[in-house]
Amino acid sequence: MLTALTNTDMSHVAGSPLEQYLGTHPSALAFVQTPKPPPSSFARESYFGLTAMRFITKDGVARYGRYRILPEAGNEHLDPAAVAAKGANYLFEEIEHRIANEPVRFRLVVQLAEQGDTVDDVTVHWPADRTLLDLGRLSFTEPVLDEAHEQKWTIFDPIPRVDGIEPSADPLLELRAAVYLLSGRRRRAAPE
């Protein structure tokens, strides 16, 4: 099964736990099989929030949606030959150079669910025709100074902690929040 997925010799994993898992989880298998071409830049890639959130207006009207961060410069991906000609850290080097020369801008949007859409399972995609609601723009104008130090103090929390946005009933949210908190604590404890 994995040999067909990756077009490489995976005979050494026949019957492995990974192969068994993919054989019984069609959504995970579909994800593994989906092509993922590398971007030319972090500034030329779209980013998708998988978990639905519940957005509530000041009047109490609620609607589920999933975040998207879309590059104003558009998406651009590289073919295998172009990637092979680049260094291992090309994305980090490219974005530092790009930001030094011009702001990197993204649109922050939410894809809105409609009645009947599954909102508590990230493996269920919503139809492409769902409304995209613009929330604003993100603009990156300079690199983070002392990035290694800053990374030790950054923790991603997938559960919204602001008024008007609530988590869905996705069972992975609490687990992800706990794992990210543990990861952050370990990073802070590591010597610089």
N, C-alpha and C. Protein backbone atom coordinates (compact mmCIF):
# COMPACT_ATOMS: atom_id res chain seq x y z
N MET A 1 0.81 -1.19 0.00
CA MET A 1 0.00 0.00 0.00
C MET A 1 0.86 1.25 0.00
N LEU A 2 1.84 1.38 0.91
CA LEU A 2 2.67 2.59 0.97
C LEU A 2 3.54 2.74 -0.26
N THR A 3 3.93 1.63 -0.87
CA THR A 3 4.73 1.72 -2.09
C THR A 3 3.96 2.48 -3.15
N ALA A 4 2.69 2.21 -3.30
CA ALA A 4 1.87 2.92 -4.28
C ALA A 4 1.69 4.38 -3.89
N LEU A 5 1.73 4.68 -2.61
CA LEU A 5 1.53 6.06 -2.15
C LEU A 5 2.71 6.95 -2.48
N THR A 6 3.90 6.44 -2.31
CA THR A 6 5.08 7.30 -2.37
C THR A 6 5.98 7.05 -3.57
N ASN A 7 5.70 6.01 -4.33
CA ASN A 7 6.55 5.65 -5.47
C ASN A 7 8.00 5.42 -5.05
N THR A 8 8.21 4.98 -3.85
CA THR A 8 9.55 4.61 -3.38
C THR A 8 9.48 3.21 -2.80
N ASP A 9 10.63 2.60 -2.58
CA ASP A 9 10.66 1.26 -2.04
C ASP A 9 10.35 1.31 -0.55
N MET A 10 9.18 0.88 -0.18
CA MET A 10 8.76 0.88 1.22
C MET A 10 8.56 -0.54 1.72
N SER A 11 9.20 -1.52 1.06
CA SER A 11 8.98 -2.91 1.43
C SER A 11 9.39 -3.19 2.87
N HIS A 12 10.32 -2.38 3.39
CA HIS A 12 10.76 -2.60 4.77
C HIS A 12 9.70 -2.21 5.81
N VAL A 13 8.60 -1.57 5.39
CA VAL A 13 7.55 -1.21 6.35
C VAL A 13 6.27 -2.01 6.14
N ALA A 14 6.31 -3.02 5.29
CA ALA A 14 5.12 -3.84 5.06
C ALA A 14 4.59 -4.35 6.39
N GLY A 15 3.34 -4.11 6.63
CA GLY A 15 2.74 -4.54 7.88
C GLY A 15 3.11 -3.67 9.07
N SER A 16 3.77 -2.56 8.83
CA SER A 16 4.17 -1.67 9.91
C SER A 16 2.93 -1.01 10.53
N PRO A 17 3.06 -0.46 11.72
CA PRO A 17 1.93 0.24 12.33
C PRO A 17 1.41 1.39 11.45
N LEU A 18 2.31 2.09 10.77
CA LEU A 18 1.88 3.17 9.89
C LEU A 18 1.03 2.62 8.75
N GLU A 19 1.49 1.56 8.12
CA GLU A 19 0.74 0.96 7.03
C GLU A 19 -0.62 0.45 7.51
N GLN A 20 -0.63 -0.16 8.67
CA GLN A 20 -1.89 -0.66 9.22
C GLN A 20 -2.84 0.50 9.52
N TYR A 21 -2.31 1.56 10.08
CA TYR A 21 -3.14 2.73 10.39
C TYR A 21 -3.75 3.31 9.12
N LEU A 22 -2.92 3.55 8.09
CA LEU A 22 -3.42 4.11 6.84
C LEU A 22 -4.43 3.19 6.18
N GLY A 23 -4.26 1.90 6.35
CA GLY A 23 -5.20 0.95 5.76
C GLY A 23 -6.57 0.99 6.40
N THR A 24 -6.66 1.51 7.62
CA THR A 24 -7.95 1.55 8.32
C THR A 24 -8.48 2.97 8.52
N HIS A 25 -7.75 3.98 8.02
CA HIS A 25 -8.17 5.38 8.16
C HIS A 25 -8.13 6.07 6.80
N PRO A 26 -9.22 5.98 6.04
CA PRO A 26 -9.22 6.50 4.68
C PRO A 26 -8.92 8.00 4.59
N SER A 27 -9.29 8.79 5.57
CA SER A 27 -9.00 10.22 5.52
C SER A 27 -7.50 10.48 5.63
N ALA A 28 -6.84 9.74 6.50
CA ALA A 28 -5.38 9.88 6.62
C ALA A 28 -4.69 9.42 5.34
N LEU A 29 -5.18 8.34 4.76
CA LEU A 29 -4.62 7.84 3.51
C LEU A 29 -4.79 8.87 2.40
N ALA A 30 -5.96 9.48 2.31
CA ALA A 30 -6.19 10.51 1.29
C ALA A 30 -5.23 11.68 1.47
N PHE A 31 -4.98 12.07 2.72
CA PHE A 31 -4.04 13.17 2.99
C PHE A 31 -2.63 12.79 2.52
N VAL A 32 -2.20 11.58 2.83
CA VAL A 32 -0.86 11.13 2.43
C VAL A 32 -0.73 11.11 0.92
N GLN A 33 -1.79 10.74 0.23
CA GLN A 33 -1.76 10.62 -1.22
C GLN A 33 -1.84 11.97 -1.94
N THR A 34 -2.33 13.00 -1.29
CA THR A 34 -2.50 14.30 -1.93
C THR A 34 -1.13 14.94 -2.19
N PRO A 35 -0.88 15.37 -3.43
CA PRO A 35 0.40 16.05 -3.72
C PRO A 35 0.55 17.33 -2.89
N LYS A 36 1.77 17.57 -2.45
CA LYS A 36 2.07 18.75 -1.65
C LYS A 36 3.32 19.44 -2.21
N PRO A 37 3.16 20.14 -3.34
CA PRO A 37 4.34 20.79 -3.93
C PRO A 37 4.88 21.88 -3.02
N PRO A 38 6.19 21.99 -2.91
CA PRO A 38 6.76 23.01 -2.02
C PRO A 38 6.57 24.42 -2.59
N PRO A 39 6.32 25.40 -1.71
CA PRO A 39 6.15 26.77 -2.19
C PRO A 39 7.50 27.40 -2.55
N SER A 40 7.45 28.43 -3.36
CA SER A 40 8.66 29.18 -3.68
C SER A 40 9.06 30.07 -2.51
N SER A 41 8.08 30.39 -1.66
CA SER A 41 8.30 31.29 -0.53
C SER A 41 7.20 31.08 0.48
N PHE A 42 7.49 31.36 1.75
CA PHE A 42 6.42 31.37 2.75
C PHE A 42 5.39 32.44 2.38
N ALA A 43 5.83 33.47 1.66
CA ALA A 43 4.95 34.57 1.25
C ALA A 43 4.08 34.21 0.06
N ARG A 44 4.30 33.05 -0.56
CA ARG A 44 3.54 32.65 -1.75
C ARG A 44 2.79 31.33 -1.50
N GLU A 45 2.39 31.11 -0.26
CA GLU A 45 1.67 29.89 0.11
C GLU A 45 0.42 30.27 0.89
N SER A 46 -0.65 29.51 0.70
CA SER A 46 -1.88 29.69 1.47
C SER A 46 -1.82 28.78 2.70
N TYR A 47 -2.44 29.25 3.77
CA TYR A 47 -2.46 28.51 5.03
C TYR A 47 -3.91 28.32 5.44
N PHE A 48 -4.23 27.10 5.90
CA PHE A 48 -5.61 26.75 6.19
C PHE A 48 -5.75 26.28 7.63
N GLY A 49 -6.63 26.91 8.36
CA GLY A 49 -7.00 26.42 9.68
C GLY A 49 -7.94 25.24 9.49
N LEU A 50 -7.62 24.13 10.06
CA LEU A 50 -8.42 22.93 9.85
C LEU A 50 -9.65 22.87 10.75
N THR A 51 -9.51 23.40 11.94
CA THR A 51 -10.58 23.31 12.92
C THR A 51 -11.58 24.43 12.73
N ALA A 52 -12.85 24.08 12.77
CA ALA A 52 -13.90 25.10 12.70
C ALA A 52 -14.01 25.81 14.04
N MET A 53 -14.27 27.10 13.96
CA MET A 53 -14.53 27.92 15.14
C MET A 53 -15.95 28.47 15.03
N ARG A 54 -16.52 28.81 16.16
CA ARG A 54 -17.87 29.40 16.20
C ARG A 54 -17.72 30.90 16.41
N PHE A 55 -18.12 31.66 15.41
CA PHE A 55 -18.03 33.12 15.45
C PHE A 55 -19.39 33.67 15.84
N ILE A 56 -19.42 34.57 16.83
CA ILE A 56 -20.68 35.07 17.37
C ILE A 56 -20.69 36.60 17.25
N THR A 57 -21.73 37.13 16.62
CA THR A 57 -21.84 38.59 16.48
C THR A 57 -22.28 39.20 17.80
N LYS A 58 -22.21 40.53 17.88
CA LYS A 58 -22.64 41.22 19.10
C LYS A 58 -24.13 41.02 19.37
N ASP A 59 -24.89 40.64 18.32
CA ASP A 59 -26.32 40.39 18.46
C ASP A 59 -26.62 38.93 18.80
N GLY A 60 -25.57 38.11 18.96
CA GLY A 60 -25.75 36.72 19.34
C GLY A 60 -25.94 35.75 18.18
N VAL A 61 -25.80 36.23 16.95
CA VAL A 61 -25.91 35.34 15.79
C VAL A 61 -24.59 34.58 15.67
N ALA A 62 -24.67 33.25 15.56
CA ALA A 62 -23.47 32.42 15.52
C ALA A 62 -23.36 31.69 14.18
N ARG A 63 -22.13 31.54 13.75
CA ARG A 63 -21.86 30.82 12.49
C ARG A 63 -20.48 30.18 12.62
N TYR A 64 -20.35 28.96 12.13
CA TYR A 64 -19.06 28.28 12.15
C TYR A 64 -18.25 28.67 10.91
N GLY A 65 -16.93 28.67 11.09
CA GLY A 65 -16.05 28.97 9.97
C GLY A 65 -14.65 28.44 10.23
N ARG A 66 -13.88 28.37 9.16
CA ARG A 66 -12.48 27.95 9.23
C ARG A 66 -11.61 29.06 8.66
N TYR A 67 -10.55 29.37 9.39
CA TYR A 67 -9.62 30.42 8.95
C TYR A 67 -8.85 30.00 7.70
N ARG A 68 -8.51 31.01 6.91
CA ARG A 68 -7.56 30.87 5.82
C ARG A 68 -6.69 32.12 5.81
N ILE A 69 -5.43 31.93 5.52
CA ILE A 69 -4.50 33.05 5.35
C ILE A 69 -3.98 32.94 3.93
N LEU A 70 -4.34 33.92 3.10
CA LEU A 70 -4.08 33.86 1.66
C LEU A 70 -3.07 34.92 1.25
N PRO A 71 -2.02 34.54 0.53
CA PRO A 71 -1.00 35.52 0.15
C PRO A 71 -1.51 36.49 -0.90
N GLU A 72 -1.30 37.78 -0.67
CA GLU A 72 -1.70 38.77 -1.67
C GLU A 72 -0.88 38.62 -2.94
N ALA A 73 0.33 38.07 -2.84
CA ALA A 73 1.18 37.86 -4.02
C ALA A 73 0.74 36.63 -4.81
N GLY A 74 -0.19 35.85 -4.30
CA GLY A 74 -0.64 34.63 -4.98
C GLY A 74 0.22 33.44 -4.59
N ASN A 75 -0.29 32.26 -4.91
CA ASN A 75 0.44 31.02 -4.63
C ASN A 75 1.44 30.74 -5.75
N GLU A 76 2.59 30.21 -5.36
CA GLU A 76 3.59 29.79 -6.35
C GLU A 76 4.32 28.59 -5.77
N HIS A 77 4.33 27.50 -6.54
CA HIS A 77 4.98 26.28 -6.10
C HIS A 77 6.11 25.91 -7.05
N LEU A 78 7.04 25.12 -6.55
CA LEU A 78 8.22 24.74 -7.31
C LEU A 78 8.12 23.30 -7.80
N ASP A 79 8.75 23.05 -8.94
CA ASP A 79 8.82 21.68 -9.42
C ASP A 79 10.03 21.00 -8.76
N PRO A 80 10.13 19.68 -8.83
CA PRO A 80 11.22 18.97 -8.15
C PRO A 80 12.62 19.45 -8.54
N ALA A 81 12.84 19.82 -9.79
CA ALA A 81 14.17 20.29 -10.22
C ALA A 81 14.52 21.61 -9.54
N ALA A 82 13.56 22.50 -9.44
CA ALA A 82 13.81 23.79 -8.78
C ALA A 82 14.11 23.60 -7.30
N VAL A 83 13.40 22.68 -6.66
CA VAL A 83 13.64 22.42 -5.24
C VAL A 83 15.03 21.81 -5.04
N ALA A 84 15.41 20.90 -5.93
CA ALA A 84 16.72 20.24 -5.81
C ALA A 84 17.87 21.24 -5.93
N ALA A 85 17.66 22.33 -6.64
CA ALA A 85 18.71 23.34 -6.81
C ALA A 85 18.81 24.28 -5.62
N LYS A 86 17.90 24.18 -4.67
CA LYS A 86 17.88 25.09 -3.52
C LYS A 86 18.50 24.42 -2.29
N GLY A 87 18.92 25.24 -1.36
CA GLY A 87 19.45 24.74 -0.10
C GLY A 87 18.34 24.29 0.82
N ALA A 88 18.70 23.58 1.87
CA ALA A 88 17.72 23.03 2.81
C ALA A 88 16.91 24.12 3.52
N ASN A 89 17.49 25.30 3.70
CA ASN A 89 16.81 26.39 4.41
C ASN A 89 16.33 27.48 3.48
N TYR A 90 16.07 27.16 2.22
CA TYR A 90 15.75 28.20 1.24
C TYR A 90 14.53 29.02 1.62
N LEU A 91 13.52 28.41 2.23
CA LEU A 91 12.33 29.18 2.59
C LEU A 91 12.64 30.24 3.65
N PHE A 92 13.45 29.89 4.63
CA PHE A 92 13.80 30.85 5.69
C PHE A 92 14.70 31.95 5.15
N GLU A 93 15.64 31.59 4.30
CA GLU A 93 16.53 32.59 3.70
C GLU A 93 15.75 33.52 2.78
N GLU A 94 14.86 32.97 1.98
CA GLU A 94 14.09 33.77 1.03
C GLU A 94 13.18 34.76 1.75
N ILE A 95 12.49 34.32 2.81
CA ILE A 95 11.54 35.23 3.48
C ILE A 95 12.27 36.36 4.18
N GLU A 96 13.44 36.07 4.74
CA GLU A 96 14.22 37.14 5.38
C GLU A 96 14.63 38.20 4.36
N HIS A 97 15.08 37.75 3.20
CA HIS A 97 15.46 38.68 2.13
C HIS A 97 14.24 39.45 1.63
N ARG A 98 13.13 38.75 1.43
CA ARG A 98 11.91 39.39 0.92
C ARG A 98 11.41 40.47 1.87
N ILE A 99 11.33 40.16 3.15
CA ILE A 99 10.82 41.14 4.13
C ILE A 99 11.76 42.34 4.24
N ALA A 100 13.04 42.13 4.06
CA ALA A 100 13.99 43.25 4.09
C ALA A 100 13.75 44.22 2.94
N ASN A 101 13.14 43.74 1.84
CA ASN A 101 12.93 44.57 0.66
C ASN A 101 11.51 45.08 0.47
N GLU A 102 10.53 44.36 1.03
CA GLU A 102 9.14 44.77 0.85
C GLU A 102 8.27 44.07 1.89
N PRO A 103 7.15 44.67 2.27
CA PRO A 103 6.25 43.99 3.20
C PRO A 103 5.66 42.73 2.56
N VAL A 104 5.40 41.74 3.38
CA VAL A 104 4.72 40.53 2.95
C VAL A 104 3.31 40.63 3.49
N ARG A 105 2.33 40.53 2.59
CA ARG A 105 0.94 40.75 2.98
C ARG A 105 0.07 39.53 2.68
N PHE A 106 -0.86 39.32 3.59
CA PHE A 106 -1.82 38.23 3.47
C PHE A 106 -3.22 38.76 3.76
N ARG A 107 -4.21 38.10 3.18
CA ARG A 107 -5.62 38.33 3.54
C ARG A 107 -6.00 37.29 4.59
N LEU A 108 -6.66 37.73 5.64
CA LEU A 108 -7.21 36.83 6.65
C LEU A 108 -8.69 36.69 6.35
N VAL A 109 -9.12 35.48 6.04
CA VAL A 109 -10.51 35.22 5.70
C VAL A 109 -11.03 34.04 6.51
N VAL A 110 -12.34 33.91 6.52
CA VAL A 110 -12.99 32.75 7.13
C VAL A 110 -13.91 32.14 6.10
N GLN A 111 -13.77 30.83 5.88
CA GLN A 111 -14.70 30.10 5.04
C GLN A 111 -15.88 29.73 5.94
N LEU A 112 -17.08 30.21 5.59
CA LEU A 112 -18.25 30.01 6.43
C LEU A 112 -18.95 28.69 6.11
N ALA A 113 -19.28 27.98 7.17
CA ALA A 113 -20.03 26.73 7.02
C ALA A 113 -21.49 27.06 6.71
N GLU A 114 -22.14 26.13 6.08
CA GLU A 114 -23.58 26.23 5.87
C GLU A 114 -24.27 25.14 6.67
N GLN A 115 -25.57 25.27 6.82
CA GLN A 115 -26.36 24.29 7.55
C GLN A 115 -26.05 22.89 7.05
N GLY A 116 -25.75 21.98 7.95
CA GLY A 116 -25.47 20.60 7.59
C GLY A 116 -24.00 20.29 7.40
N ASP A 117 -23.13 21.30 7.32
CA ASP A 117 -21.69 21.06 7.20
C ASP A 117 -21.15 20.49 8.51
N THR A 118 -20.25 19.55 8.42
CA THR A 118 -19.61 18.97 9.60
C THR A 118 -18.63 19.99 10.17
N VAL A 119 -18.77 20.32 11.45
CA VAL A 119 -17.93 21.35 12.05
C VAL A 119 -17.02 20.83 13.16
N ASP A 120 -17.04 19.52 13.40
CA ASP A 120 -16.23 18.98 14.49
C ASP A 120 -15.31 17.84 14.03
N ASP A 121 -14.99 17.83 12.74
CA ASP A 121 -14.11 16.80 12.18
C ASP A 121 -13.28 17.43 11.07
N VAL A 122 -11.98 17.60 11.33
CA VAL A 122 -11.12 18.29 10.36
C VAL A 122 -10.92 17.51 9.07
N THR A 123 -11.25 16.24 9.07
CA THR A 123 -11.05 15.45 7.86
C THR A 123 -12.17 15.65 6.84
N VAL A 124 -13.24 16.31 7.24
CA VAL A 124 -14.36 16.55 6.33
C VAL A 124 -14.21 17.93 5.72
N HIS A 125 -13.97 17.96 4.41
CA HIS A 125 -13.82 19.23 3.70
C HIS A 125 -15.19 19.79 3.37
N TRP A 126 -15.26 21.12 3.39
CA TRP A 126 -16.49 21.78 2.96
C TRP A 126 -16.39 22.07 1.48
N PRO A 127 -17.51 22.16 0.79
CA PRO A 127 -17.48 22.47 -0.64
C PRO A 127 -16.77 23.80 -0.92
N ALA A 128 -16.12 23.86 -2.06
CA ALA A 128 -15.35 25.06 -2.43
C ALA A 128 -16.21 26.29 -2.60
N ASP A 129 -17.51 26.12 -2.80
CA ASP A 129 -18.37 27.28 -3.05
C ASP A 129 -18.82 27.99 -1.78
N ARG A 130 -18.33 27.56 -0.61
CA ARG A 130 -18.70 28.22 0.63
C ARG A 130 -18.15 29.65 0.65
N THR A 131 -18.91 30.56 1.24
CA THR A 131 -18.55 31.98 1.31
C THR A 131 -17.24 32.17 2.04
N LEU A 132 -16.37 33.03 1.48
CA LEU A 132 -15.15 33.47 2.15
C LEU A 132 -15.38 34.90 2.63
N LEU A 133 -15.36 35.08 3.93
CA LEU A 133 -15.59 36.39 4.54
C LEU A 133 -14.25 37.02 4.90
N ASP A 134 -13.99 38.21 4.36
CA ASP A 134 -12.74 38.92 4.68
C ASP A 134 -12.78 39.44 6.10
N LEU A 135 -11.74 39.15 6.87
CA LEU A 135 -11.62 39.67 8.23
C LEU A 135 -10.61 40.80 8.31
N GLY A 136 -9.64 40.81 7.40
CA GLY A 136 -8.62 41.86 7.46
C GLY A 136 -7.36 41.46 6.72
N ARG A 137 -6.30 42.21 6.98
CA ARG A 137 -5.01 41.99 6.32
C ARG A 137 -3.93 41.82 7.38
N LEU A 138 -2.95 40.98 7.06
CA LEU A 138 -1.76 40.82 7.88
C LEU A 138 -0.59 41.35 7.06
N SER A 139 0.27 42.12 7.69
CA SER A 139 1.42 42.68 6.98
C SER A 139 2.67 42.44 7.83
N PHE A 140 3.66 41.80 7.22
CA PHE A 140 4.92 41.52 7.90
C PHE A 140 5.97 42.44 7.29
N THR A 141 6.58 43.28 8.12
CA THR A 141 7.45 44.33 7.61
C THR A 141 8.90 44.21 8.03
N GLU A 142 9.18 43.36 8.99
CA GLU A 142 10.56 43.18 9.42
C GLU A 142 10.72 41.83 10.09
N PRO A 143 11.91 41.25 10.00
CA PRO A 143 12.11 39.95 10.66
C PRO A 143 12.09 40.10 12.18
N VAL A 144 11.83 39.01 12.86
CA VAL A 144 11.86 38.99 14.32
C VAL A 144 13.32 39.00 14.75
N LEU A 145 13.67 39.94 15.60
CA LEU A 145 15.02 39.98 16.14
C LEU A 145 15.17 38.89 17.18
N ASP A 146 16.34 38.29 17.25
CA ASP A 146 16.62 37.22 18.19
C ASP A 146 15.56 36.12 18.12
N GLU A 147 15.37 35.62 16.90
CA GLU A 147 14.32 34.65 16.61
C GLU A 147 14.40 33.39 17.49
N ALA A 148 15.61 32.88 17.71
CA ALA A 148 15.75 31.65 18.51
C ALA A 148 15.21 31.87 19.93
N HIS A 149 15.52 33.02 20.51
CA HIS A 149 15.02 33.33 21.85
C HIS A 149 13.49 33.46 21.84
N GLU A 150 12.96 34.15 20.86
CA GLU A 150 11.51 34.37 20.78
C GLU A 150 10.76 33.07 20.61
N GLN A 151 11.32 32.13 19.85
CA GLN A 151 10.65 30.85 19.64
C GLN A 151 10.48 30.08 20.93
N LYS A 152 11.36 30.27 21.86
CA LYS A 152 11.24 29.57 23.15
C LYS A 152 10.01 30.04 23.92
N TRP A 153 9.55 31.26 23.66
CA TRP A 153 8.46 31.84 24.44
C TRP A 153 7.12 31.84 23.70
N THR A 154 7.11 31.35 22.49
CA THR A 154 5.88 31.32 21.70
C THR A 154 5.20 29.98 21.86
N ILE A 155 3.92 30.03 22.19
CA ILE A 155 3.12 28.81 22.30
C ILE A 155 1.88 29.01 21.45
N PHE A 156 1.61 28.05 20.59
CA PHE A 156 0.41 28.09 19.79
C PHE A 156 -0.72 27.47 20.60
N ASP A 157 -1.81 28.19 20.71
CA ASP A 157 -2.99 27.68 21.40
C ASP A 157 -4.12 27.57 20.39
N PRO A 158 -4.55 26.37 20.04
CA PRO A 158 -5.60 26.22 19.03
C PRO A 158 -7.00 26.58 19.53
N ILE A 159 -7.13 26.80 20.84
CA ILE A 159 -8.44 27.15 21.40
C ILE A 159 -8.52 28.67 21.52
N PRO A 160 -9.52 29.28 20.87
CA PRO A 160 -9.62 30.74 20.93
C PRO A 160 -9.91 31.21 22.35
N ARG A 161 -9.25 32.30 22.73
CA ARG A 161 -9.43 32.85 24.09
C ARG A 161 -9.87 34.30 24.00
N VAL A 162 -10.77 34.58 23.06
CA VAL A 162 -11.26 35.94 22.87
C VAL A 162 -12.78 35.93 22.83
N ASP A 163 -13.39 37.04 23.22
CA ASP A 163 -14.84 37.15 23.15
C ASP A 163 -15.30 37.07 21.71
N GLY A 164 -16.37 36.34 21.48
CA GLY A 164 -16.97 36.27 20.16
C GLY A 164 -16.46 35.13 19.29
N ILE A 165 -15.48 34.38 19.76
CA ILE A 165 -14.98 33.21 19.02
C ILE A 165 -14.87 32.06 20.01
N GLU A 166 -15.53 30.96 19.67
CA GLU A 166 -15.53 29.78 20.54
C GLU A 166 -15.02 28.57 19.75
N PRO A 167 -14.47 27.59 20.44
CA PRO A 167 -14.05 26.37 19.74
C PRO A 167 -15.26 25.53 19.35
N SER A 168 -15.07 24.73 18.33
CA SER A 168 -16.10 23.74 17.98
C SER A 168 -15.96 22.57 18.95
N ALA A 169 -16.74 21.55 18.72
CA ALA A 169 -16.69 20.35 19.57
C ALA A 169 -15.65 19.35 19.07
N ASP A 170 -14.72 19.79 18.24
CA ASP A 170 -13.67 18.90 17.72
C ASP A 170 -12.92 18.29 18.90
N PRO A 171 -12.89 16.96 19.00
CA PRO A 171 -12.26 16.32 20.16
C PRO A 171 -10.74 16.49 20.21
N LEU A 172 -10.12 16.90 19.12
CA LEU A 172 -8.66 17.06 19.13
C LEU A 172 -8.20 18.41 19.69
N LEU A 173 -9.10 19.38 19.83
CA LEU A 173 -8.67 20.70 20.28
C LEU A 173 -8.01 20.69 21.66
N GLU A 174 -8.65 20.07 22.63
CA GLU A 174 -8.09 20.04 23.99
C GLU A 174 -6.76 19.29 24.01
N LEU A 175 -6.68 18.19 23.27
CA LEU A 175 -5.44 17.41 23.22
C LEU A 175 -4.32 18.24 22.59
N ARG A 176 -4.61 18.92 21.46
CA ARG A 176 -3.60 19.76 20.82
C ARG A 176 -3.13 20.87 21.75
N ALA A 177 -4.06 21.52 22.43
CA ALA A 177 -3.69 22.60 23.35
C ALA A 177 -2.75 22.08 24.44
N ALA A 178 -3.03 20.91 24.97
CA ALA A 178 -2.19 20.33 26.02
C ALA A 178 -0.80 19.98 25.50
N VAL A 179 -0.73 19.40 24.30
CA VAL A 179 0.56 19.03 23.72
C VAL A 179 1.40 20.27 23.42
N TYR A 180 0.77 21.31 22.85
CA TYR A 180 1.51 22.54 22.54
C TYR A 180 2.03 23.21 23.82
N LEU A 181 1.25 23.15 24.90
CA LEU A 181 1.70 23.71 26.17
C LEU A 181 2.92 22.95 26.70
N LEU A 182 2.88 21.62 26.64
CA LEU A 182 4.04 20.82 27.06
C LEU A 182 5.26 21.14 26.20
N SER A 183 5.08 21.26 24.91
CA SER A 183 6.18 21.59 24.01
C SER A 183 6.79 22.94 24.38
N GLY A 184 5.93 23.92 24.65
CA GLY A 184 6.43 25.25 25.03
C GLY A 184 7.21 25.21 26.33
N ARG A 185 6.74 24.47 27.29
CA ARG A 185 7.46 24.34 28.57
C ARG A 185 8.82 23.71 28.37
N ARG A 186 8.91 22.71 27.51
CA ARG A 186 10.21 22.06 27.24
C ARG A 186 11.16 23.01 26.52
N ARG A 187 10.64 23.79 25.56
CA ARG A 187 11.49 24.76 24.86
C ARG A 187 12.05 25.80 25.82
N ARG A 188 11.21 26.27 26.73
CA ARG A 188 11.65 27.29 27.70
C ARG A 188 12.70 26.75 28.65
N ALA A 189 12.61 25.46 28.97
CA ALA A 189 13.55 24.84 29.90
C ALA A 189 14.90 24.51 29.23
N ALA A 190 14.89 24.45 27.89
CA ALA A 190 16.14 24.09 27.17
C ALA A 190 17.13 25.26 27.22
N PRO A 191 18.41 24.95 27.40
CA PRO A 191 19.42 26.02 27.41
C PRO A 191 19.53 26.66 26.03
N GLU A 192 19.86 27.96 26.03
CA GLU A 192 20.03 28.66 24.74
C GLU A 192 21.42 28.49 24.21
